[in-house]
Amino acid sequence: MSLRQKRKEELKEEIFRQSLRLFKEKGYDNVTVDEITRECGIAKGTFYNYFPKKEHVLLHLGLSQMDVFSASLEECRPDTDIKEKIEKIFSSLFVAFEKEWELMSLAVSEILRTNLISGQELETINHFTRSLAAMLAEAKEQGQLSAALNPQTAASTLISIYFHTLMVAISSNESTRLSAIFREHFDVIWNGLKP
């Protein structure tokens, strides 16, 4: 990544974080793009270069999580056990939430409140599911997973556990337990429902 590209990414993250902070202080509906740009010390046009509308600030969370997923997948060695790979990827996804818990939980809450899970956010979720399904299909071909496994269904189930983990943590304000909550549910699926 070039220095210029790195600075652009840093500015986008700064706009995202400052926007979330303002949303927290004043409420999402009460914050204008003008206030965000003043707080960030940027021109309104600069804001729109990164986010076409105010709503896109919230949608950035899903896109940034997709970037984390991709980077985490690349960091795994090809011979990494599939269970270890899944746990590493999802743990990586929770890092941003754990670092900026209040802001990230606010972003998720606002996305749900404003019905933004449509369009771009839904496409991000679908892309995440397809990428995870491809990883699971490869592991299935290598004999690491059951031959009867449907990779798409398994990927959807893992994504469901991810969102369930976020909802439980947000509702109970337990940011430090994200990975543990995920692992508890993942282990049930991994081991199967045996009598």
C-alpha atoms as a PDB file:
ATOM      1  CA  MET A   1       0.000   0.000   0.000  1.00  0.00           C
ATOM      2  CA  SER A   2       1.405   3.381  -0.993  1.00  0.00           C
ATOM      3  CA  LEU A   3       1.838   6.193   1.517  1.00  0.00           C
ATOM      4  CA  ARG A   4      -0.935   8.155  -0.205  1.00  0.00           C
ATOM      5  CA  GLN A   5      -3.325   5.196  -0.012  1.00  0.00           C
ATOM      6  CA  LYS A   6      -2.425   4.666   3.645  1.00  0.00           C
ATOM      7  CA  ARG A   7      -3.212   8.318   4.446  1.00  0.00           C
ATOM      8  CA  LYS A   8      -6.547   8.044   2.647  1.00  0.00           C
ATOM      9  CA  GLU A   9      -7.452   4.961   4.685  1.00  0.00           C
ATOM     10  CA  GLU A  10      -6.393   6.703   7.897  1.00  0.00           C
ATOM     11  CA  LEU A  11      -8.564   9.741   7.056  1.00  0.00           C
ATOM     12  CA  LYS A  12     -11.540   7.492   6.303  1.00  0.00           C
ATOM     13  CA  GLU A  13     -11.094   5.758   9.664  1.00  0.00           C
ATOM     14  CA  GLU A  14     -10.819   9.137  11.400  1.00  0.00           C
ATOM     15  CA  ILE A  15     -14.052  10.351   9.778  1.00  0.00           C
ATOM     16  CA  PHE A  16     -15.704   7.072  10.806  1.00  0.00           C
ATOM     17  CA  ARG A  17     -14.564   7.323  14.436  1.00  0.00           C
ATOM     18  CA  GLN A  18     -15.362  11.029  14.815  1.00  0.00           C
ATOM     19  CA  SER A  19     -18.797  10.452  13.287  1.00  0.00           C
ATOM     20  CA  LEU A  20     -19.539   7.617  15.708  1.00  0.00           C
ATOM     21  CA  ARG A  21     -18.389   9.770  18.615  1.00  0.00           C
ATOM     22  CA  LEU A  22     -20.780  12.539  17.526  1.00  0.00           C
ATOM     23  CA  PHE A  23     -23.584  10.008  17.044  1.00  0.00           C
ATOM     24  CA  LYS A  24     -22.966   8.808  20.584  1.00  0.00           C
ATOM     25  CA  GLU A  25     -23.003  12.327  22.030  1.00  0.00           C
ATOM     26  CA  LYS A  26     -25.969  13.740  20.108  1.00  0.00           C
ATOM     27  CA  GLY A  27     -27.796  10.798  18.603  1.00  0.00           C
ATOM     28  CA  TYR A  28     -27.486   9.689  15.008  1.00  0.00           C
ATOM     29  CA  ASP A  29     -30.489  11.675  13.748  1.00  0.00           C
ATOM     30  CA  ASN A  30     -29.224  14.907  15.348  1.00  0.00           C
ATOM     31  CA  VAL A  31     -25.786  14.926  13.697  1.00  0.00           C
ATOM     32  CA  THR A  32     -25.278  16.624  10.348  1.00  0.00           C
ATOM     33  CA  VAL A  33     -22.544  16.147   7.766  1.00  0.00           C
ATOM     34  CA  ASP A  34     -21.533  19.767   8.472  1.00  0.00           C
ATOM     35  CA  GLU A  35     -20.882  18.893  12.122  1.00  0.00           C
ATOM     36  CA  ILE A  36     -18.852  15.844  11.146  1.00  0.00           C
ATOM     37  CA  THR A  37     -16.707  17.824   8.713  1.00  0.00           C
ATOM     38  CA  ARG A  38     -16.129  20.601  11.269  1.00  0.00           C
ATOM     39  CA  GLU A  39     -15.090  18.032  13.878  1.00  0.00           C
ATOM     40  CA  CYS A  40     -12.700  16.342  11.444  1.00  0.00           C
ATOM     41  CA  GLY A  41     -11.337  19.606  10.039  1.00  0.00           C
ATOM     42  CA  ILE A  42     -12.167  18.640   6.461  1.00  0.00           C
ATOM     43  CA  ALA A  43     -14.219  20.098   3.629  1.00  0.00           C
ATOM     44  CA  LYS A  44     -17.692  18.752   2.954  1.00  0.00           C
ATOM     45  CA  GLY A  45     -16.513  17.515  -0.454  1.00  0.00           C
ATOM     46  CA  THR A  46     -13.815  15.470   1.254  1.00  0.00           C
ATOM     47  CA  PHE A  47     -16.450  13.782   3.399  1.00  0.00           C
ATOM     48  CA  TYR A  48     -18.470  12.902   0.295  1.00  0.00           C
ATOM     49  CA  ASN A  49     -15.361  11.476  -1.393  1.00  0.00           C
ATOM     50  CA  TYR A  50     -15.340   8.825   1.327  1.00  0.00           C
ATOM     51  CA  PHE A  51     -19.018   8.514   2.245  1.00  0.00           C
ATOM     52  CA  PRO A  52     -21.764   9.338  -0.305  1.00  0.00           C
ATOM     53  CA  LYS A  53     -24.295   9.858   2.526  1.00  0.00           C
ATOM     54  CA  LYS A  54     -24.228  10.014   6.312  1.00  0.00           C
ATOM     55  CA  GLU A  55     -25.686   6.477   6.425  1.00  0.00           C
ATOM     56  CA  HIS A  56     -22.586   5.155   4.690  1.00  0.00           C
ATOM     57  CA  VAL A  57     -20.536   5.995   7.779  1.00  0.00           C
ATOM     58  CA  LEU A  58     -22.408   3.221   9.583  1.00  0.00           C
ATOM     59  CA  LEU A  59     -22.115   0.866   6.624  1.00  0.00           C
ATOM     60  CA  HIS A  60     -18.340   1.304   6.757  1.00  0.00           C
ATOM     61  CA  LEU A  61     -18.288  -0.993   9.788  1.00  0.00           C
ATOM     62  CA  GLY A  62     -19.339  -3.999   7.696  1.00  0.00           C
ATOM     63  CA  LEU A  63     -16.869  -3.178   4.939  1.00  0.00           C
ATOM     64  CA  SER A  64     -14.022  -2.786   7.405  1.00  0.00           C
ATOM     65  CA  GLN A  65     -14.924  -6.149   8.955  1.00  0.00           C
ATOM     66  CA  MET A  66     -14.720  -7.713   5.478  1.00  0.00           C
ATOM     67  CA  ASP A  67     -11.200  -6.251   5.132  1.00  0.00           C
ATOM     68  CA  VAL A  68     -10.274  -7.773   8.509  1.00  0.00           C
ATOM     69  CA  PHE A  69     -11.649 -11.135   7.362  1.00  0.00           C
ATOM     70  CA  SER A  70      -9.589 -11.037   4.154  1.00  0.00           C
ATOM     71  CA  ALA A  71      -6.402 -10.000   5.955  1.00  0.00           C
ATOM     72  CA  SER A  72      -6.903 -12.649   8.625  1.00  0.00           C
ATOM     73  CA  LEU A  73      -7.446 -15.319   5.987  1.00  0.00           C
ATOM     74  CA  GLU A  74      -4.231 -14.302   4.216  1.00  0.00           C
ATOM     75  CA  GLU A  75      -2.274 -14.522   7.494  1.00  0.00           C
ATOM     76  CA  CYS A  76      -3.250 -18.169   8.015  1.00  0.00           C
ATOM     77  CA  ARG A  77      -0.731 -20.693   6.764  1.00  0.00           C
ATOM     78  CA  PRO A  78      -2.088 -23.031   4.079  1.00  0.00           C
ATOM     79  CA  ASP A  79      -1.653 -26.003   6.421  1.00  0.00           C
ATOM     80  CA  THR A  80      -3.586 -24.386   9.289  1.00  0.00           C
ATOM     81  CA  ASP A  81      -6.290 -26.653  10.700  1.00  0.00           C
ATOM     82  CA  ILE A  82      -9.747 -25.433   9.615  1.00  0.00           C
ATOM     83  CA  LYS A  83     -11.070 -25.144  13.177  1.00  0.00           C
ATOM     84  CA  GLU A  84      -8.056 -23.041  14.178  1.00  0.00           C
ATOM     85  CA  LYS A  85      -8.469 -20.933  11.035  1.00  0.00           C
ATOM     86  CA  ILE A  86     -12.154 -20.242  11.776  1.00  0.00           C
ATOM     87  CA  GLU A  87     -11.431 -19.318  15.399  1.00  0.00           C
ATOM     88  CA  LYS A  88      -8.566 -17.017  14.355  1.00  0.00           C
ATOM     89  CA  ILE A  89     -10.662 -15.255  11.734  1.00  0.00           C
ATOM     90  CA  PHE A  90     -13.598 -14.598  14.033  1.00  0.00           C
ATOM     91  CA  SER A  91     -11.336 -13.553  16.916  1.00  0.00           C
ATOM     92  CA  SER A  92      -9.766 -11.020  14.545  1.00  0.00           C
ATOM     93  CA  LEU A  93     -13.212  -9.672  13.692  1.00  0.00           C
ATOM     94  CA  PHE A  94     -13.911  -9.017  17.360  1.00  0.00           C
ATOM     95  CA  VAL A  95     -10.683  -7.054  17.959  1.00  0.00           C
ATOM     96  CA  ALA A  96     -12.101  -3.765  16.598  1.00  0.00           C
ATOM     97  CA  PHE A  97     -15.172  -4.178  18.764  1.00  0.00           C
ATOM     98  CA  GLU A  98     -13.092  -4.846  21.864  1.00  0.00           C
ATOM     99  CA  LYS A  99     -10.824  -1.828  21.237  1.00  0.00           C
ATOM    100  CA  GLU A 100     -13.643   0.643  20.586  1.00  0.00           C
ATOM    101  CA  TRP A 101     -16.527  -1.109  22.310  1.00  0.00           C
ATOM    102  CA  GLU A 102     -18.832   1.858  22.901  1.00  0.00           C
ATOM    103  CA  LEU A 103     -18.455   3.223  19.390  1.00  0.00           C
ATOM    104  CA  MET A 104     -18.735  -0.144  17.655  1.00  0.00           C
ATOM    105  CA  SER A 105     -21.780  -1.233  19.646  1.00  0.00           C
ATOM    106  CA  LEU A 106     -23.352   2.135  18.851  1.00  0.00           C
ATOM    107  CA  ALA A 107     -22.695   1.568  15.138  1.00  0.00           C
ATOM    108  CA  VAL A 108     -24.357  -1.867  15.212  1.00  0.00           C
ATOM    109  CA  SER A 109     -27.301  -0.518  17.213  1.00  0.00           C
ATOM    110  CA  GLU A 110     -27.772   2.385  14.789  1.00  0.00           C
ATOM    111  CA  ILE A 111     -27.559   0.073  11.760  1.00  0.00           C
ATOM    112  CA  LEU A 112     -30.338  -2.039  13.246  1.00  0.00           C
ATOM    113  CA  ARG A 113     -32.392   0.964  14.371  1.00  0.00           C
ATOM    114  CA  THR A 114     -32.222   2.720  11.019  1.00  0.00           C
ATOM    115  CA  ASN A 115     -32.923  -0.456   9.013  1.00  0.00           C
ATOM    116  CA  LEU A 116     -29.662  -0.140   7.094  1.00  0.00           C
ATOM    117  CA  ILE A 117     -29.306  -3.903   6.726  1.00  0.00           C
ATOM    118  CA  SER A 118     -30.296  -3.778   3.112  1.00  0.00           C
ATOM    119  CA  GLY A 119     -28.532  -2.963  -0.100  1.00  0.00           C
ATOM    120  CA  GLN A 120     -24.832  -2.462   0.520  1.00  0.00           C
ATOM    121  CA  GLU A 121     -24.759  -3.977   4.013  1.00  0.00           C
ATOM    122  CA  LEU A 122     -26.633  -7.047   2.817  1.00  0.00           C
ATOM    123  CA  GLU A 123     -24.198  -7.412  -0.078  1.00  0.00           C
ATOM    124  CA  THR A 124     -21.287  -7.202   2.380  1.00  0.00           C
ATOM    125  CA  ILE A 125     -22.860  -9.973   4.477  1.00  0.00           C
ATOM    126  CA  ASN A 126     -23.430 -12.080   1.354  1.00  0.00           C
ATOM    127  CA  HIS A 127     -19.821 -11.525   0.226  1.00  0.00           C
ATOM    128  CA  PHE A 128     -18.595 -12.521   3.679  1.00  0.00           C
ATOM    129  CA  THR A 129     -20.757 -15.671   3.538  1.00  0.00           C
ATOM    130  CA  ARG A 130     -19.527 -16.615   0.054  1.00  0.00           C
ATOM    131  CA  SER A 131     -15.882 -16.114   1.076  1.00  0.00           C
ATOM    132  CA  LEU A 132     -16.336 -18.210   4.189  1.00  0.00           C
ATOM    133  CA  ALA A 133     -18.181 -20.898   2.191  1.00  0.00           C
ATOM    134  CA  ALA A 134     -15.295 -21.055  -0.302  1.00  0.00           C
ATOM    135  CA  MET A 135     -12.834 -21.543   2.573  1.00  0.00           C
ATOM    136  CA  LEU A 136     -15.020 -24.313   4.033  1.00  0.00           C
ATOM    137  CA  ALA A 137     -15.420 -25.982   0.613  1.00  0.00           C
ATOM    138  CA  GLU A 138     -11.639 -26.076   0.249  1.00  0.00           C
ATOM    139  CA  ALA A 139     -11.288 -27.607   3.720  1.00  0.00           C
ATOM    140  CA  LYS A 140     -13.965 -30.163   2.800  1.00  0.00           C
ATOM    141  CA  GLU A 141     -12.013 -31.120  -0.348  1.00  0.00           C
ATOM    142  CA  GLN A 142      -8.896 -31.569   1.793  1.00  0.00           C
ATOM    143  CA  GLY A 143     -10.784 -33.953   4.066  1.00  0.00           C
ATOM    144  CA  GLN A 144     -10.776 -31.588   7.078  1.00  0.00           C
ATOM    145  CA  LEU A 145     -14.580 -31.447   7.139  1.00  0.00           C
ATOM    146  CA  SER A 146     -17.341 -33.993   6.658  1.00  0.00           C
ATOM    147  CA  ALA A 147     -18.051 -34.996   3.068  1.00  0.00           C
ATOM    148  CA  ALA A 148     -21.758 -34.403   3.804  1.00  0.00           C
ATOM    149  CA  LEU A 149     -21.175 -30.776   4.846  1.00  0.00           C
ATOM    150  CA  ASN A 150     -22.887 -28.071   2.809  1.00  0.00           C
ATOM    151  CA  PRO A 151     -20.282 -25.236   2.872  1.00  0.00           C
ATOM    152  CA  GLN A 152     -22.896 -22.537   2.166  1.00  0.00           C
ATOM    153  CA  THR A 153     -25.124 -23.668   5.049  1.00  0.00           C
ATOM    154  CA  ALA A 154     -22.123 -23.977   7.372  1.00  0.00           C
ATOM    155  CA  ALA A 155     -20.933 -20.481   6.412  1.00  0.00           C
ATOM    156  CA  SER A 156     -24.411 -19.035   7.037  1.00  0.00           C
ATOM    157  CA  THR A 157     -24.478 -20.749  10.425  1.00  0.00           C
ATOM    158  CA  LEU A 158     -21.086 -19.280  11.377  1.00  0.00           C
ATOM    159  CA  ILE A 159     -22.227 -15.803  10.286  1.00  0.00           C
ATOM    160  CA  SER A 160     -25.356 -16.273  12.410  1.00  0.00           C
ATOM    161  CA  ILE A 161     -23.209 -17.128  15.419  1.00  0.00           C
ATOM    162  CA  TYR A 162     -21.101 -14.013  14.738  1.00  0.00           C
ATOM    163  CA  PHE A 163     -24.169 -11.741  14.734  1.00  0.00           C
ATOM    164  CA  HIS A 164     -25.673 -13.540  17.713  1.00  0.00           C
ATOM    165  CA  THR A 165     -22.426 -12.962  19.604  1.00  0.00           C
ATOM    166  CA  LEU A 166     -22.559  -9.235  18.823  1.00  0.00           C
ATOM    167  CA  MET A 167     -26.199  -8.957  19.920  1.00  0.00           C
ATOM    168  CA  VAL A 168     -25.598 -10.824  23.184  1.00  0.00           C
ATOM    169  CA  ALA A 169     -22.507  -8.743  23.965  1.00  0.00           C
ATOM    170  CA  ILE A 170     -24.236  -5.455  23.106  1.00  0.00           C
ATOM    171  CA  SER A 171     -27.340  -6.264  25.138  1.00  0.00           C
ATOM    172  CA  SER A 172     -25.267  -7.357  28.158  1.00  0.00           C
ATOM    173  CA  ASN A 173     -22.421  -4.863  27.612  1.00  0.00           C
ATOM    174  CA  GLU A 174     -19.824  -7.657  27.771  1.00  0.00           C
ATOM    175  CA  SER A 175     -17.243  -6.595  25.215  1.00  0.00           C
ATOM    176  CA  THR A 176     -14.481  -8.596  26.842  1.00  0.00           C
ATOM    177  CA  ARG A 177     -16.333 -11.855  26.241  1.00  0.00           C
ATOM    178  CA  LEU A 178     -16.885 -11.608  22.490  1.00  0.00           C
ATOM    179  CA  SER A 179     -14.453 -14.361  21.513  1.00  0.00           C
ATOM    180  CA  ALA A 180     -15.577 -16.549  24.419  1.00  0.00           C
ATOM    181  CA  ILE A 181     -19.271 -16.183  23.519  1.00  0.00           C
ATOM    182  CA  PHE A 182     -18.503 -17.023  19.901  1.00  0.00           C
ATOM    183  CA  ARG A 183     -16.353 -20.013  20.859  1.00  0.00           C
ATOM    184  CA  GLU A 184     -19.054 -21.427  23.175  1.00  0.00           C
ATOM    185  CA  HIS A 185     -21.580 -21.442  20.319  1.00  0.00           C
ATOM    186  CA  PHE A 186     -19.056 -22.522  17.708  1.00  0.00           C
ATOM    187  CA  ASP A 187     -18.043 -25.524  19.832  1.00  0.00           C
ATOM    188  CA  VAL A 188     -21.663 -26.708  19.980  1.00  0.00           C
ATOM    189  CA  ILE A 189     -21.864 -26.638  16.186  1.00  0.00           C
ATOM    190  CA  TRP A 190     -18.376 -28.076  15.736  1.00  0.00           C
ATOM    191  CA  ASN A 191     -18.995 -31.028  18.025  1.00  0.00           C
ATOM    192  CA  GLY A 192     -22.521 -31.621  16.787  1.00  0.00           C
ATOM    193  CA  LEU A 193     -25.595 -32.129  18.857  1.00  0.00           C
ATOM    194  CA  LYS A 194     -24.905 -35.509  20.427  1.00  0.00           C
ATOM    195  CA  PRO A 195     -27.161 -37.129  23.084  1.00  0.00           C
END
